[in-house]
Every structure is written in structure tokens, then in C-alpha cells.
N, C-alpha and C. Protein backbone atom coordinates (compact mmCIF):
# COMPACT_ATOMS: atom_id res chain seq x y z
N MET A 1 137.90 68.66 103.19
CA MET A 1 136.66 69.09 103.74
C MET A 1 136.48 68.12 105.01
N THR A 2 135.97 68.98 106.08
CA THR A 2 135.67 68.03 107.31
C THR A 2 134.17 67.11 106.88
N ARG A 3 134.05 66.38 107.92
CA ARG A 3 132.88 65.69 107.75
C ARG A 3 131.57 66.46 108.16
N VAL A 4 131.66 67.19 108.89
CA VAL A 4 130.39 68.20 109.27
C VAL A 4 130.28 69.07 107.91
N SER A 5 131.58 69.67 107.36
CA SER A 5 131.23 70.66 106.41
C SER A 5 130.65 69.76 105.02
N ARG A 6 130.99 68.63 104.84
CA ARG A 6 130.47 67.60 103.72
C ARG A 6 128.92 67.56 104.01
N ARG A 7 128.72 67.33 105.34
CA ARG A 7 127.33 67.19 105.44
C ARG A 7 126.44 68.36 105.10
N HIS A 8 127.13 69.63 105.66
CA HIS A 8 126.26 70.90 105.26
C HIS A 8 126.15 71.10 103.79
N PHE A 9 127.34 70.55 103.06
CA PHE A 9 127.40 70.96 101.85
C PHE A 9 126.40 69.95 101.11
N LEU A 10 126.20 68.79 101.59
CA LEU A 10 125.34 68.00 100.88
C LEU A 10 123.84 68.30 101.01
N VAL A 11 123.52 68.60 102.49
CA VAL A 11 122.19 69.18 102.61
C VAL A 11 121.97 70.45 101.97
N ALA A 12 122.76 71.40 101.45
CA ALA A 12 122.71 72.82 101.08
C ALA A 12 122.48 72.42 99.38
N SER A 13 123.23 71.39 98.92
CA SER A 13 123.04 71.08 97.53
C SER A 13 121.59 70.28 97.37
N LEU A 14 121.19 69.37 98.09
CA LEU A 14 119.83 68.99 97.81
C LEU A 14 118.83 70.05 98.08
N ALA A 15 118.70 71.01 98.89
CA ALA A 15 117.88 71.89 99.20
C ALA A 15 117.91 72.71 97.80
N CYS A 16 119.31 72.95 97.32
CA CYS A 16 119.31 73.71 95.93
C CYS A 16 118.64 73.10 94.88
N GLY A 17 119.05 71.73 95.02
CA GLY A 17 118.49 70.91 93.79
C GLY A 17 116.96 71.06 93.52
N THR A 18 116.46 70.88 94.63
CA THR A 18 114.91 71.08 95.02
C THR A 18 114.27 72.20 94.33
N ALA A 19 115.06 73.37 94.74
CA ALA A 19 114.51 74.68 94.36
C ALA A 19 114.77 74.77 92.93
N MET A 20 115.80 74.41 92.43
CA MET A 20 116.06 74.51 90.80
C MET A 20 115.18 73.83 90.15
N ARG A 21 114.89 72.62 90.40
CA ARG A 21 113.69 71.84 89.98
C ARG A 21 112.41 72.64 89.93
N ALA A 22 112.13 73.06 91.28
CA ALA A 22 110.86 73.67 91.36
C ALA A 22 110.77 75.08 90.38
N GLU A 23 111.83 75.94 90.30
CA GLU A 23 111.82 76.91 89.37
C GLU A 23 111.80 76.28 87.74
N ALA A 24 112.41 75.11 87.65
CA ALA A 24 112.45 74.99 86.25
C ALA A 24 111.04 74.07 85.89
N GLY A 25 110.04 74.02 86.81
CA GLY A 25 108.86 73.41 86.42
C GLY A 25 109.04 71.98 86.94
N GLU A 26 110.06 71.39 87.14
CA GLU A 26 110.30 69.84 87.46
C GLU A 26 109.85 69.40 88.42
N ALA A 27 109.52 70.07 89.39
CA ALA A 27 109.28 69.68 90.88
C ALA A 27 107.88 68.94 90.84
N THR A 28 107.85 67.77 91.89
CA THR A 28 106.41 67.54 92.06
C THR A 28 105.84 67.44 93.42
N ALA A 29 104.58 67.39 93.70
CA ALA A 29 104.40 67.66 95.10
C ALA A 29 104.93 66.77 95.96
N TRP A 30 105.88 65.65 95.72
CA TRP A 30 106.76 64.96 96.73
C TRP A 30 107.78 65.71 97.35
N ASP A 31 108.18 66.87 96.43
CA ASP A 31 109.13 67.74 97.10
C ASP A 31 109.01 68.77 98.07
N PHE A 32 107.46 68.79 98.43
CA PHE A 32 107.04 69.66 99.50
C PHE A 32 106.68 68.97 100.61
N SER A 33 106.62 70.06 101.90
CA SER A 33 106.03 69.51 103.05
C SER A 33 105.41 70.82 103.76
N PHE A 34 104.59 70.40 104.82
CA PHE A 34 103.77 71.20 105.62
C PHE A 34 104.18 71.26 107.04
N PRO A 35 104.05 72.05 107.82
CA PRO A 35 103.79 71.69 109.43
C PRO A 35 102.92 70.92 109.55
N SER A 36 103.06 69.91 110.36
CA SER A 36 102.02 68.92 110.67
C SER A 36 101.15 69.61 111.98
N ILE A 37 99.90 69.40 111.86
CA ILE A 37 98.92 69.62 112.90
C ILE A 37 99.32 69.22 114.48
N GLU A 38 100.00 68.21 114.15
CA GLU A 38 100.50 67.55 115.60
C GLU A 38 102.23 68.04 115.99
N GLY A 39 102.46 68.76 115.23
CA GLY A 39 104.11 69.11 115.71
C GLY A 39 105.00 68.36 114.19
N GLY A 40 106.05 68.58 114.21
CA GLY A 40 106.95 68.08 113.26
C GLY A 40 106.37 68.52 111.89
N ARG A 41 106.86 67.82 110.76
CA ARG A 41 106.70 67.80 109.19
C ARG A 41 105.56 66.71 108.59
N LEU A 42 104.70 67.25 107.81
CA LEU A 42 103.99 66.57 107.08
C LEU A 42 104.62 66.64 105.60
N ALA A 43 105.42 65.48 105.34
CA ALA A 43 106.25 65.51 103.94
C ALA A 43 105.10 64.73 102.95
N LEU A 44 105.00 65.43 102.01
CA LEU A 44 104.01 64.89 101.01
C LEU A 44 104.81 63.59 100.34
N ALA A 45 106.13 63.56 100.49
CA ALA A 45 106.72 62.51 99.81
C ALA A 45 106.45 61.05 100.54
N GLU A 46 105.76 61.27 102.10
CA GLU A 46 105.33 60.12 102.41
C GLU A 46 104.32 59.29 101.74
N TYR A 47 103.46 60.01 101.04
CA TYR A 47 102.25 59.50 100.00
C TYR A 47 102.80 59.40 98.82
N LYS A 48 103.90 59.27 98.39
CA LYS A 48 104.27 58.96 97.03
C LYS A 48 103.73 57.69 96.36
N GLY A 49 103.26 57.81 95.31
CA GLY A 49 102.60 56.88 94.72
C GLY A 49 101.07 56.78 94.85
N ASN A 50 100.76 57.62 95.70
CA ASN A 50 98.92 57.79 95.93
C ASN A 50 98.76 59.04 95.11
N ALA A 51 97.46 58.97 95.00
CA ALA A 51 97.00 60.32 94.27
C ALA A 51 96.48 61.07 95.48
N LEU A 52 96.53 62.48 95.55
CA LEU A 52 96.39 63.22 96.84
C LEU A 52 95.29 64.44 96.19
N MET A 53 94.44 64.93 97.20
CA MET A 53 93.70 65.87 97.04
C MET A 53 93.86 66.73 98.22
N VAL A 54 94.54 67.95 98.14
CA VAL A 54 94.98 68.95 99.09
C VAL A 54 93.97 70.02 99.15
N VAL A 55 93.52 70.06 100.20
CA VAL A 55 92.37 71.07 100.41
C VAL A 55 92.53 72.05 101.68
N ASN A 56 92.46 73.33 101.21
CA ASN A 56 92.72 74.29 102.32
C ASN A 56 91.42 74.65 102.98
N THR A 57 91.45 74.41 104.34
CA THR A 57 90.45 74.42 105.20
C THR A 57 90.18 75.52 106.22
N ALA A 58 89.20 75.51 106.98
CA ALA A 58 88.53 76.44 107.73
C ALA A 58 87.76 76.06 108.94
N SER A 59 87.54 76.38 110.05
CA SER A 59 86.64 75.84 110.82
C SER A 59 85.38 76.39 111.05
N PHE A 60 85.37 77.87 110.48
CA PHE A 60 84.19 79.05 110.56
C PHE A 60 83.71 79.40 109.37
N CYS A 61 83.60 78.56 108.11
CA CYS A 61 83.33 78.82 106.92
C CYS A 61 81.91 78.21 106.57
N GLY A 62 81.25 78.70 105.62
CA GLY A 62 80.37 78.24 105.23
C GLY A 62 80.42 76.96 104.67
N PHE A 63 81.39 76.66 104.15
CA PHE A 63 81.95 75.53 103.49
C PHE A 63 82.37 74.39 104.32
N THR A 64 82.53 74.62 105.52
CA THR A 64 83.18 73.68 106.66
C THR A 64 82.52 72.34 106.54
N TYR A 65 80.92 72.41 106.21
CA TYR A 65 80.09 71.06 106.03
C TYR A 65 81.25 70.14 105.03
N GLN A 66 81.98 70.72 104.37
CA GLN A 66 82.57 69.59 103.35
C GLN A 66 83.61 68.78 103.99
N TYR A 67 83.75 68.90 105.42
CA TYR A 67 84.70 67.96 105.84
C TYR A 67 83.99 66.88 106.05
N GLU A 68 82.70 66.59 105.86
CA GLU A 68 82.20 65.18 106.29
C GLU A 68 82.29 64.71 104.84
N ALA A 69 82.31 65.15 103.69
CA ALA A 69 82.27 64.61 102.50
C ALA A 69 83.78 64.39 102.14
N LEU A 70 84.71 65.00 102.53
CA LEU A 70 86.42 64.88 102.42
C LEU A 70 86.36 63.50 103.36
N GLU A 71 86.04 63.36 104.41
CA GLU A 71 86.62 62.06 105.37
C GLU A 71 85.51 61.02 104.68
N LYS A 72 84.50 61.22 104.26
CA LYS A 72 84.16 59.87 103.64
C LYS A 72 84.68 59.64 102.37
N LEU A 73 85.02 60.53 101.64
CA LEU A 73 86.10 60.10 100.39
C LEU A 73 87.49 59.80 100.77
N HIS A 74 87.85 60.23 101.73
CA HIS A 74 89.15 59.46 102.04
C HIS A 74 89.06 57.90 102.43
N LYS A 75 87.86 57.81 103.32
CA LYS A 75 87.79 56.35 103.69
C LYS A 75 87.46 55.29 102.51
N ALA A 76 86.70 56.25 101.46
CA ALA A 76 86.23 54.97 100.51
C ALA A 76 87.20 54.98 99.53
N ARG A 77 87.95 55.74 99.40
CA ARG A 77 89.01 55.85 97.98
C ARG A 77 90.37 55.49 98.76
N LYS A 78 90.55 55.41 100.03
CA LYS A 78 91.96 54.98 100.57
C LYS A 78 92.57 53.87 99.95
N ALA A 79 91.75 52.70 100.04
CA ALA A 79 92.24 51.57 99.27
C ALA A 79 92.93 51.64 97.98
N ALA A 80 92.09 52.43 97.41
CA ALA A 80 92.48 52.74 95.96
C ALA A 80 93.73 53.60 95.72
N GLY A 81 94.11 54.25 96.80
CA GLY A 81 95.27 55.09 96.49
C GLY A 81 95.09 56.33 96.78
N LEU A 82 93.84 56.96 97.24
CA LEU A 82 93.71 58.40 97.48
C LEU A 82 94.02 58.85 99.04
N VAL A 83 94.60 60.02 99.08
CA VAL A 83 94.70 60.32 100.37
C VAL A 83 94.22 61.88 100.31
N VAL A 84 93.43 62.28 101.30
CA VAL A 84 93.24 63.61 101.47
C VAL A 84 93.83 64.15 102.35
N ILE A 85 94.24 65.32 101.93
CA ILE A 85 95.28 66.26 103.14
C ILE A 85 94.57 67.49 103.36
N GLY A 86 94.10 68.08 104.54
CA GLY A 86 93.67 69.31 104.88
C GLY A 86 94.66 70.05 105.45
N VAL A 87 94.58 71.45 104.91
CA VAL A 87 95.57 72.36 105.36
C VAL A 87 94.82 73.65 105.90
N PRO A 88 94.59 73.65 107.03
CA PRO A 88 93.74 74.58 107.74
C PRO A 88 94.62 76.00 107.50
N SER A 89 93.78 77.29 107.29
CA SER A 89 94.48 78.46 106.69
C SER A 89 93.71 79.49 107.35
N GLN A 90 94.27 80.49 107.72
CA GLN A 90 93.59 81.51 108.31
C GLN A 90 93.89 82.83 107.07
N ASP A 91 93.89 82.51 106.06
CA ASP A 91 94.05 83.70 105.09
C ASP A 91 92.82 84.30 104.72
N PHE A 92 91.66 83.44 104.97
CA PHE A 92 90.43 84.19 104.84
C PHE A 92 89.59 84.45 106.23
N ASN A 93 90.31 84.62 107.22
CA ASN A 93 90.03 85.18 108.33
C ASN A 93 88.68 84.11 109.23
N GLN A 94 88.65 82.69 108.82
CA GLN A 94 87.80 81.79 109.30
C GLN A 94 88.19 80.50 110.08
N GLU A 95 89.39 80.78 110.73
CA GLU A 95 90.05 79.60 111.15
C GLU A 95 90.36 79.81 112.62
N SER A 96 90.47 78.83 113.59
CA SER A 96 91.04 78.90 114.87
C SER A 96 92.37 79.43 115.08
N ASP A 97 92.50 79.89 116.17
CA ASP A 97 93.73 80.39 116.32
C ASP A 97 95.05 79.50 116.87
N SER A 98 94.57 78.32 116.80
CA SER A 98 95.73 77.09 117.31
C SER A 98 95.57 75.92 116.87
N ASN A 99 96.61 75.29 116.31
CA ASN A 99 96.44 73.99 115.70
C ASN A 99 95.63 72.97 116.50
N ALA A 100 95.91 73.02 117.94
CA ALA A 100 95.12 72.12 118.92
C ALA A 100 93.74 72.40 118.80
N LYS A 101 93.18 73.62 118.72
CA LYS A 101 91.66 73.82 118.54
C LYS A 101 91.05 73.15 117.32
N VAL A 102 91.85 73.52 116.06
CA VAL A 102 91.23 72.97 114.67
C VAL A 102 91.43 71.37 114.74
N LYS A 103 92.37 70.74 115.12
CA LYS A 103 92.23 69.30 115.16
C LYS A 103 91.32 68.88 115.99
N ALA A 104 91.04 69.58 117.45
CA ALA A 104 89.84 69.05 118.38
C ALA A 104 88.73 69.38 117.50
N PHE A 105 88.52 70.31 116.99
CA PHE A 105 87.28 70.70 116.13
C PHE A 105 86.94 69.76 115.13
N CYS A 106 87.96 69.39 114.36
CA CYS A 106 87.59 68.53 112.88
C CYS A 106 87.49 66.99 113.83
N GLU A 107 88.08 66.62 114.58
CA GLU A 107 88.02 65.27 115.03
C GLU A 107 86.45 65.09 116.09
N ALA A 108 86.18 66.12 116.54
CA ALA A 108 84.69 66.08 117.45
C ALA A 108 83.64 66.33 116.59
N THR A 109 83.65 67.12 115.65
CA THR A 109 82.57 67.45 114.84
C THR A 109 82.48 66.61 113.57
N PHE A 110 83.34 66.07 112.82
CA PHE A 110 83.31 65.36 111.74
C PHE A 110 84.32 64.16 111.76
N GLY A 111 84.64 63.84 112.73
CA GLY A 111 85.55 62.59 112.70
C GLY A 111 86.74 62.53 111.82
N VAL A 112 87.19 63.62 111.47
CA VAL A 112 88.50 63.68 110.54
C VAL A 112 89.68 62.87 110.87
N ASP A 113 89.85 62.14 110.14
CA ASP A 113 91.10 60.92 110.04
C ASP A 113 91.97 61.10 109.49
N PHE A 114 91.85 62.00 108.10
CA PHE A 114 92.89 62.06 107.20
C PHE A 114 93.99 63.21 107.60
N PRO A 115 94.95 63.09 106.92
CA PRO A 115 96.20 63.69 107.34
C PRO A 115 95.77 65.21 107.57
N MET A 116 96.42 66.28 108.55
CA MET A 116 95.91 67.68 108.62
C MET A 116 97.56 68.04 108.87
N ALA A 117 97.66 69.43 107.94
CA ALA A 117 98.67 70.12 108.17
C ALA A 117 98.48 71.16 109.47
N GLY A 118 99.50 72.01 109.61
CA GLY A 118 99.15 72.82 110.75
C GLY A 118 98.90 74.04 109.88
N ILE A 119 98.09 75.06 110.65
CA ILE A 119 97.86 76.41 109.94
C ILE A 119 98.91 76.77 109.07
N SER A 120 98.51 77.10 108.03
CA SER A 120 99.51 77.54 106.94
C SER A 120 98.90 78.62 105.97
N LYS A 121 99.65 79.26 105.40
CA LYS A 121 99.43 80.54 104.53
C LYS A 121 99.18 79.49 103.09
N VAL A 122 98.19 80.05 102.45
CA VAL A 122 97.95 79.31 101.12
C VAL A 122 98.09 80.25 100.05
N THR A 123 97.96 81.58 100.18
CA THR A 123 97.95 82.63 99.04
C THR A 123 98.85 83.68 99.53
N GLY A 124 99.49 84.43 98.41
CA GLY A 124 100.33 85.56 98.53
C GLY A 124 101.80 84.96 98.50
N GLU A 125 102.76 86.13 98.87
CA GLU A 125 103.99 85.98 99.00
C GLU A 125 104.35 85.04 100.15
N ASP A 126 103.62 84.75 101.11
CA ASP A 126 104.20 83.97 102.09
C ASP A 126 103.58 82.89 102.24
N ALA A 127 102.73 82.40 101.21
CA ALA A 127 102.15 80.93 100.80
C ALA A 127 103.18 79.73 101.32
N ALA A 128 102.68 78.83 101.72
CA ALA A 128 103.51 77.49 101.89
C ALA A 128 103.97 77.27 100.34
N ALA A 129 105.09 76.61 100.45
CA ALA A 129 105.81 76.26 99.12
C ALA A 129 105.18 75.59 98.09
N PHE A 130 104.18 74.49 98.60
CA PHE A 130 103.33 73.85 97.81
C PHE A 130 102.41 74.88 96.98
N TYR A 131 102.00 75.65 97.76
CA TYR A 131 100.89 76.50 96.95
C TYR A 131 101.53 77.53 96.14
N LYS A 132 103.11 77.95 96.48
CA LYS A 132 103.79 78.52 95.51
C LYS A 132 103.80 77.81 94.16
N TRP A 133 104.22 76.53 94.45
CA TRP A 133 104.31 75.64 93.18
C TRP A 133 103.13 75.60 92.23
N VAL A 134 102.26 75.58 92.85
CA VAL A 134 100.62 75.15 92.23
C VAL A 134 100.58 76.80 91.57
N LYS A 135 100.89 77.67 92.07
CA LYS A 135 100.46 79.04 91.21
C LYS A 135 101.35 79.16 90.35
N ALA A 136 102.80 78.66 90.36
CA ALA A 136 103.73 78.83 89.08
C ALA A 136 103.22 77.75 88.03
N GLN A 137 102.83 76.69 88.37
CA GLN A 137 102.42 75.56 87.55
C GLN A 137 101.22 75.79 86.65
N ARG A 138 100.14 76.42 87.39
CA ARG A 138 98.92 76.66 87.00
C ARG A 138 98.24 77.87 86.98
N ASN A 139 98.96 78.90 87.45
CA ASN A 139 98.64 80.26 87.76
C ASN A 139 97.29 80.20 88.40
N TRP A 140 97.38 79.53 89.57
CA TRP A 140 96.06 79.38 90.30
C TRP A 140 96.21 79.29 91.88
N GLU A 141 95.55 79.86 92.73
CA GLU A 141 95.83 79.93 94.06
C GLU A 141 94.14 79.92 94.43
N PRO A 142 94.00 79.32 95.78
CA PRO A 142 92.77 79.27 96.39
C PRO A 142 92.20 80.80 96.93
N SER A 143 91.05 80.99 96.18
CA SER A 143 90.24 82.12 96.59
C SER A 143 89.31 82.44 97.62
N TRP A 144 89.33 80.98 98.28
CA TRP A 144 88.56 80.94 99.35
C TRP A 144 88.72 79.95 100.23
N ASN A 145 88.18 79.43 101.22
CA ASN A 145 88.37 78.17 101.89
C ASN A 145 87.96 76.65 100.97
N PHE A 146 88.37 75.75 101.36
CA PHE A 146 87.91 74.52 100.74
C PHE A 146 87.88 74.42 99.13
N ASN A 147 89.00 75.05 98.71
CA ASN A 147 89.51 74.67 97.36
C ASN A 147 90.32 73.50 97.25
N LYS A 148 90.52 72.78 96.13
CA LYS A 148 90.96 71.59 96.27
C LYS A 148 92.04 71.65 95.08
N VAL A 149 93.12 70.77 95.19
CA VAL A 149 94.23 70.51 94.24
C VAL A 149 94.41 68.89 94.12
N ILE A 150 94.24 68.45 92.86
CA ILE A 150 94.13 67.02 92.76
C ILE A 150 95.75 66.83 92.24
N ILE A 151 96.17 65.77 92.93
CA ILE A 151 97.74 65.42 92.50
C ILE A 151 97.60 64.16 91.96
N GLY A 152 98.17 63.74 90.76
CA GLY A 152 98.34 62.38 90.47
C GLY A 152 99.16 61.70 91.31
N ARG A 153 99.40 60.07 90.97
CA ARG A 153 100.13 59.26 91.43
C ARG A 153 101.60 59.75 91.35
N ASP A 154 101.86 60.36 90.15
CA ASP A 154 103.21 60.78 89.71
C ASP A 154 103.71 62.25 90.35
N GLY A 155 102.80 62.61 91.15
CA GLY A 155 103.17 63.92 91.93
C GLY A 155 102.71 64.96 90.97
N ARG A 156 102.10 65.12 90.14
CA ARG A 156 101.78 66.06 89.11
C ARG A 156 100.47 66.70 89.43
N ILE A 157 100.13 67.69 89.27
CA ILE A 157 98.69 68.59 89.31
C ILE A 157 97.78 68.16 88.16
N ILE A 158 97.03 67.31 88.79
CA ILE A 158 95.93 66.95 87.63
C ILE A 158 94.71 68.08 87.39
N ALA A 159 94.33 68.76 88.46
CA ALA A 159 93.31 69.94 88.39
C ALA A 159 93.23 70.62 89.72
N CYS A 160 92.54 71.74 89.55
CA CYS A 160 92.26 72.76 91.05
C CYS A 160 90.89 73.03 90.85
N PHE A 161 90.26 73.00 91.96
CA PHE A 161 88.89 73.59 91.89
C PHE A 161 88.61 74.24 93.19
N GLY A 162 87.32 75.18 92.99
CA GLY A 162 87.17 76.09 93.89
C GLY A 162 86.33 75.33 95.10
N SER A 163 85.61 76.28 96.04
CA SER A 163 84.85 75.84 97.15
C SER A 163 83.53 75.41 96.66
N GLY A 164 83.18 75.81 95.48
CA GLY A 164 81.72 75.22 95.30
C GLY A 164 81.73 73.72 94.45
N ASP A 165 83.01 73.19 94.21
CA ASP A 165 82.96 72.26 93.70
C ASP A 165 83.14 71.09 94.85
N GLU A 166 82.01 70.43 94.94
CA GLU A 166 81.79 69.59 96.21
C GLU A 166 82.89 68.27 96.01
N PRO A 167 83.49 67.67 97.32
CA PRO A 167 84.52 66.77 97.36
C PRO A 167 83.81 65.54 96.57
N ASP A 168 82.45 65.27 96.82
CA ASP A 168 81.90 64.15 95.96
C ASP A 168 81.13 64.21 94.56
N GLY A 169 81.37 65.75 93.94
CA GLY A 169 80.91 65.92 92.90
C GLY A 169 81.29 65.50 91.59
N GLN A 170 80.73 65.48 90.45
CA GLN A 170 81.07 65.08 89.26
C GLN A 170 82.42 65.37 88.66
N ARG A 171 82.55 66.59 88.65
CA ARG A 171 83.84 67.07 88.20
C ARG A 171 85.06 66.60 88.99
N VAL A 172 84.83 66.62 90.63
CA VAL A 172 85.92 66.47 91.23
C VAL A 172 86.19 64.66 91.19
N ARG A 173 85.22 64.08 91.32
CA ARG A 173 85.41 62.67 91.19
C ARG A 173 85.99 62.29 89.83
N ALA A 174 85.69 62.85 88.82
CA ALA A 174 86.37 62.53 87.43
C ALA A 174 87.87 62.76 87.46
N ALA A 175 88.16 64.11 88.35
CA ALA A 175 89.77 64.21 88.09
C ALA A 175 90.34 63.27 89.36
N ILE A 176 89.66 62.75 90.36
CA ILE A 176 90.17 61.82 91.29
C ILE A 176 90.37 60.49 90.23
N THR A 177 89.58 60.15 89.67
CA THR A 177 89.63 58.98 88.63
C THR A 177 90.80 59.06 87.89
N ARG A 178 91.18 60.07 87.14
CA ARG A 178 92.25 60.25 86.27
C ARG A 178 93.36 60.23 87.18
N ALA A 179 93.55 60.88 88.39
CA ALA A 179 94.80 61.09 89.16
C ALA A 179 95.26 59.31 89.51
N LEU A 180 94.06 58.75 89.75
CA LEU A 180 94.38 57.41 90.38
C LEU A 180 94.65 56.45 89.25
N ALA A 181 94.44 56.89 88.06
CA ALA A 181 94.73 55.89 86.82
C ALA A 181 96.09 56.34 86.21
N ILE A 182 96.87 57.24 86.84
CA ILE A 182 98.43 57.66 86.20
C ILE A 182 99.09 56.55 87.14
N ALA A 183 100.09 55.89 86.18
CA ALA A 183 100.97 55.21 86.86
C ALA A 183 102.07 56.09 87.75
N ALA A 184 102.51 55.35 88.93
CA ALA A 184 103.10 56.27 89.76
C ALA A 184 104.89 56.31 89.12
């Protein structure tokens, strides 16, 4: 084997291993990434050891006001190990047409400082790999904007919530507390 072919072999083997773990239900959130709103990739592995709240968002939704509570939650619980991640989506026809517009809107209107993915599919056959994994694990996918997936420090799903469950609501707070209590 030449050096180049070994490298390709190793990359293919690693990719296949992640896919096999995902199919076997052994994958964790740390195995997935999204396009970043600023370009490049937003790898969830960067947050390994933290608890995550992954939220599919939209700029022109009746629930868009939740950005304010998400930002407050991110700031208040960041030191404890919670990271909020926004995933803008056009799946429900209520998002801007470019990452730049979404980023500008979120920063100017709500002071969003938490990590944001680029505009991504969150439902159906073309959903981002993370959301396909959530569906395979929990038989759940977002039914509207501002649905929330809580991930424990171990990278496993703790709970999934709909739009009506406020980021600072009792049920969501309880799930975050459970997620933060898990050993990484």
C-alpha cells in the first residue's frame, strides 16, 4: 500500500465505523457535525463532556422570541457545562435564505452568542445526520421550529421537547439538570 492509499483506507474505515456505530445505536452526539453558520463545520465533539441543548430555529416563527431565553440560559448555565446550539432550518418555511442573514438577525435582535449551525434540514430523508440519529434513537423528529433535544455529558439523548416547552420551563430545566448530572 502506498502512503496515500493507507490514508484513504484509514479515513474510510473511520467513517464506516461511525456509520456502523450509528446503525447499531452506539453512536453519541459527539459523532455528528453540522455546517457552521460562519463556514466550515460545527463538530459536536468540540463540546464533549458538556451537556447540550440542540434547538432547530427560525427567524420568522411565532416562537422566535425563545431566542432570548435560549441566550439567557446559555449564559447562565455555561459555567456549569451547558452549551446551547441553534440549528436554523427552512423545513417549516420560516427562515431567511442565507446564513449571513440568519446570523445578523440573531445577533442584532437577540444578542445570540451561542454556537449556530448553518441552515440545515431537520426532518425527513434529507435531515442532518444528527437528526436522523435522534429519530432512530427516539422515534422523534422536530414537528415545528424551536423543538429541543437535550444531550447528556456522555453524548446520549436525555429528552426531546416541542416548541411549547419553553427553554426556561420546568420540564426543560429538569432535563438539563439530569443532563448536567451525568458523568462525562
